[in-house]
Amino acid sequence: MGVAVYVVLTVAVFALLGLAQKLVERL
């Protein structure tokens, strides 16, 4: 169960990084 949480957090971090990159490109 701990591993699943770690995977979800990792995916969330990558999603945030991708979103931040898109916002920077728009600016």
PDB file of N, CA and C in Angstrom:
ATOM      1  N   MET A   1       0.848  -1.200   0.000  1.00  0.00           N
ATOM      2  CA  MET A   1       0.000   0.000   0.000  1.00  0.00           C
ATOM      3  C   MET A   1       0.883   1.249   0.000  1.00  0.00           C
ATOM      4  N   GLY A   2       1.994   1.190   0.722  1.00  0.00           N
ATOM      5  CA  GLY A   2       2.911   2.331   0.743  1.00  0.00           C
ATOM      6  C   GLY A   2       3.489   2.588  -0.643  1.00  0.00           C
ATOM      7  N   VAL A   3       3.748   1.487  -1.369  1.00  0.00           N
ATOM      8  CA  VAL A   3       4.321   1.636  -2.712  1.00  0.00           C
ATOM      9  C   VAL A   3       3.332   2.346  -3.635  1.00  0.00           C
ATOM     10  N   ALA A   4       2.051   2.005  -3.509  1.00  0.00           N
ATOM     11  CA  ALA A   4       1.020   2.625  -4.357  1.00  0.00           C
ATOM     12  C   ALA A   4       0.989   4.129  -4.106  1.00  0.00           C
ATOM     13  N   VAL A   5       1.077   4.520  -2.835  1.00  0.00           N
ATOM     14  CA  VAL A   5       1.055   5.946  -2.486  1.00  0.00           C
ATOM     15  C   VAL A   5       2.266   6.640  -3.101  1.00  0.00           C
ATOM     16  N   TYR A   6       3.438   5.968  -3.042  1.00  0.00           N
ATOM     17  CA  TYR A   6       4.662   6.550  -3.599  1.00  0.00           C
ATOM     18  C   TYR A   6       4.516   6.756  -5.103  1.00  0.00           C
ATOM     19  N   VAL A   7       3.915   5.783  -5.780  1.00  0.00           N
ATOM     20  CA  VAL A   7       3.718   5.879  -7.234  1.00  0.00           C
ATOM     21  C   VAL A   7       2.775   7.030  -7.562  1.00  0.00           C
ATOM     22  N   VAL A   8       1.693   7.151  -6.800  1.00  0.00           N
ATOM     23  CA  VAL A   8       0.718   8.230  -7.047  1.00  0.00           C
ATOM     24  C   VAL A   8       1.384   9.588  -6.858  1.00  0.00           C
ATOM     25  N   LEU A   9       2.203   9.715  -5.809  1.00  0.00           N
ATOM     26  CA  LEU A   9       2.884  10.989  -5.556  1.00  0.00           C
ATOM     27  C   LEU A   9       3.848  11.308  -6.696  1.00  0.00           C
ATOM     28  N   THR A  10       4.559  10.298  -7.182  1.00  0.00           N
ATOM     29  CA  THR A  10       5.510  10.509  -8.273  1.00  0.00           C
ATOM     30  C   THR A  10       4.788  10.991  -9.528  1.00  0.00           C
ATOM     31  N   VAL A  11       3.661  10.344  -9.845  1.00  0.00           N
ATOM     32  CA  VAL A  11       2.882  10.739 -11.028  1.00  0.00           C
ATOM     33  C   VAL A  11       2.374  12.165 -10.859  1.00  0.00           C
ATOM     34  N   ALA A  12       1.937  12.510  -9.648  1.00  0.00           N
ATOM     35  CA  ALA A  12       1.412  13.853  -9.386  1.00  0.00           C
ATOM     36  C   ALA A  12       2.516  14.889  -9.584  1.00  0.00           C
ATOM     37  N   VAL A  13       3.730  14.570  -9.122  1.00  0.00           N
ATOM     38  CA  VAL A  13       4.856  15.506  -9.257  1.00  0.00           C
ATOM     39  C   VAL A  13       5.167  15.743 -10.735  1.00  0.00           C
ATOM     40  N   PHE A  14       5.200  14.648 -11.531  1.00  0.00           N
ATOM     41  CA  PHE A  14       5.490  14.802 -12.957  1.00  0.00           C
ATOM     42  C   PHE A  14       4.392  15.603 -13.640  1.00  0.00           C
ATOM     43  N   ALA A  15       3.139  15.404 -13.217  1.00  0.00           N
ATOM     44  CA  ALA A  15       2.011  16.140 -13.803  1.00  0.00           C
ATOM     45  C   ALA A  15       2.165  17.627 -13.498  1.00  0.00           C
ATOM     46  N   LEU A  16       2.570  17.946 -12.266  1.00  0.00           N
ATOM     47  CA  LEU A  16       2.749  19.351 -11.883  1.00  0.00           C
ATOM     48  C   LEU A  16       3.891  19.972 -12.678  1.00  0.00           C
ATOM     49  N   LEU A  17       4.975  19.200 -12.872  1.00  0.00           N
ATOM     50  CA  LEU A  17       6.116  19.727 -13.631  1.00  0.00           C
ATOM     51  C   LEU A  17       5.695  20.014 -15.070  1.00  0.00           C
ATOM     52  N   GLY A  18       4.911  19.112 -15.657  1.00  0.00           N
ATOM     53  CA  GLY A  18       4.453  19.303 -17.029  1.00  0.00           C
ATOM     54  C   GLY A  18       3.555  20.525 -17.128  1.00  0.00           C
ATOM     55  N   LEU A  19       2.674  20.695 -16.134  1.00  0.00           N
ATOM     56  CA  LEU A  19       1.768  21.845 -16.134  1.00  0.00           C
ATOM     57  C   LEU A  19       2.557  23.142 -15.980  1.00  0.00           C
ATOM     58  N   ALA A  20       3.550  23.139 -15.109  1.00  0.00           N
ATOM     59  CA  ALA A  20       4.371  24.335 -14.882  1.00  0.00           C
ATOM     60  C   ALA A  20       5.118  24.692 -16.167  1.00  0.00           C
ATOM     61  N   GLN A  21       5.611  23.666 -16.880  1.00  0.00           N
ATOM     62  CA  GLN A  21       6.340  23.921 -18.125  1.00  0.00           C
ATOM     63  C   GLN A  21       5.418  24.566 -19.161  1.00  0.00           C
ATOM     64  N   LYS A  22       4.166  24.096 -19.231  1.00  0.00           N
ATOM     65  CA  LYS A  22       3.210  24.671 -20.182  1.00  0.00           C
ATOM     66  C   LYS A  22       2.937  26.127 -19.827  1.00  0.00           C
ATOM     67  N   LEU A  23       2.785  26.415 -18.540  1.00  0.00           N
ATOM     68  CA  LEU A  23       2.514  27.792 -18.117  1.00  0.00           C
ATOM     69  C   LEU A  23       3.689  28.693 -18.475  1.00  0.00           C
ATOM     70  N   VAL A  24       4.915  28.200 -18.291  1.00  0.00           N
ATOM     71  CA  VAL A  24       6.105  28.999 -18.601  1.00  0.00           C
ATOM     72  C   VAL A  24       6.171  29.275 -20.102  1.00  0.00           C
ATOM     73  N   GLU A  25       5.812  28.268 -20.909  1.00  0.00           N
ATOM     74  CA  GLU A  25       5.853  28.461 -22.358  1.00  0.00           C
ATOM     75  C   GLU A  25       4.815  29.489 -22.798  1.00  0.00           C
ATOM     76  N   ARG A  26       3.673  29.541 -22.106  1.00  0.00           N
ATOM     77  CA  ARG A  26       2.636  30.515 -22.463  1.00  0.00           C
ATOM     78  C   ARG A  26       3.116  31.925 -22.153  1.00  0.00           C
ATOM     79  N   LEU A  27       3.908  32.076 -21.097  1.00  0.00           N
ATOM     80  CA  LEU A  27       4.443  33.395 -20.762  1.00  0.00           C
ATOM     81  C   LEU A  27       5.563  33.717 -21.745  1.00  0.00           C
TER      82      LEU A  27
END
